Each structure stands twice: as C-alpha cells, then as structure tokens.
C-alpha cells in the first residue's frame, strides 16, 4: 500500500505542485452537480476576483 497526495477531501478537489509550491483547492464537481440539479447548466458565469491580501499563508507546525 502506498500513500499519495489527496486529490479530493470533503468534496474539495485538490491540485498540488510541490515543485512550484502551489496548492489549489476548488469545487468544480460540486458546482457542476448543483447546476445540473437546478437546471442551470446554461447560465453565464462571471469572475469574482479576490484581494491578494486575503491569500492564505502556509506554515509548518513541528
């Protein structure tokens, strides 16, 4: 048995690039299912930018 990085946790999809030290978390699958459930798959999306100051900082705990 081998252990690898999680790709999904509590409904969140996780993309990790160790080399670039990037961790992306998204809910595309959940959103797609909700759009299908409420018959809104043809709706138009808009971008919602976030303030760079609100980015989560990573730190290690020993």
Protein backbone atom coordinates (compact mmCIF):
# COMPACT_ATOMS: atom_id res chain seq x y z
CA UNK A 1 0.00 0.00 0.00
CA UNK A 2 1.33 3.44 -0.89
CA UNK A 3 0.30 6.86 0.35
CA UNK A 4 -0.04 9.71 -2.13
CA UNK A 5 -1.26 13.30 -2.02
CA UNK A 6 -5.00 13.68 -1.57
CA UNK A 7 -6.88 14.65 -4.73
CA UNK A 8 -10.24 15.09 -3.04
CA UNK A 9 -11.11 15.85 0.60
CA UNK A 10 -14.57 16.62 1.99
CA UNK A 11 -15.85 17.41 -1.50
CA UNK A 12 -12.96 19.75 -2.36
CA UNK A 13 -10.70 18.93 -5.30
CA UNK A 14 -7.02 19.47 -4.51
CA UNK A 15 -4.24 20.17 -7.01
CA UNK A 16 -0.72 20.31 -5.61
CA UNK A 17 2.50 21.29 -7.40
CA UNK A 18 5.33 20.63 -4.96
CA UNK A 19 7.99 21.99 -7.31
CA UNK A 20 6.26 25.38 -7.66
CA UNK A 21 4.92 25.22 -4.07
CA UNK A 22 1.35 25.77 -5.24
CA UNK A 23 -1.79 24.31 -3.70
CA UNK A 24 -5.12 24.88 -5.47
CA UNK A 25 -8.46 23.95 -3.95
CA UNK A 26 -11.70 24.11 -5.92
CA UNK A 27 -15.24 22.72 -6.00
CA UNK A 28 -15.85 22.37 -9.74
CA UNK A 29 -17.52 18.96 -9.42
CA UNK A 30 -19.89 20.17 -6.68
CA UNK A 31 -20.78 23.30 -8.65
CA UNK A 32 -21.45 21.29 -11.81
CA UNK A 33 -23.75 18.92 -9.87
CA UNK A 34 -25.68 21.84 -8.35
CA UNK A 35 -26.08 23.48 -11.77
CA UNK A 36 -27.44 20.20 -13.15
CA UNK A 37 -29.74 19.73 -10.16
CA UNK A 38 -31.30 23.18 -10.57
CA UNK A 39 -31.27 23.06 -14.40
CA UNK A 40 -28.84 25.99 -14.69
CA UNK A 41 -26.11 24.41 -16.82
CA UNK A 42 -26.63 27.09 -19.49
CA UNK A 43 -26.19 30.02 -17.10
CA UNK A 44 -23.44 32.57 -17.73
CA UNK A 45 -20.57 32.68 -15.27
CA UNK A 46 -18.71 35.73 -14.01
CA UNK A 47 -15.28 36.02 -12.45
CA UNK A 48 -15.07 37.03 -8.82
CA UNK A 49 -11.53 38.20 -8.10
CA UNK A 50 -10.19 38.09 -4.58
CA UNK A 51 -7.93 40.56 -2.87
CA UNK A 52 -4.30 39.37 -2.88
CA UNK A 53 -4.03 40.38 0.77
CA UNK A 54 -6.61 37.70 1.60
CA UNK A 55 -4.45 34.81 0.37
CA UNK A 56 -3.87 32.02 2.87
CA UNK A 57 -0.29 31.78 4.09
CA UNK A 58 1.27 28.35 4.59
CA UNK A 59 3.31 27.49 7.65
CA UNK A 60 4.58 24.27 9.15
CA UNK A 61 3.87 23.02 12.64
CA UNK A 62 6.54 21.00 14.40
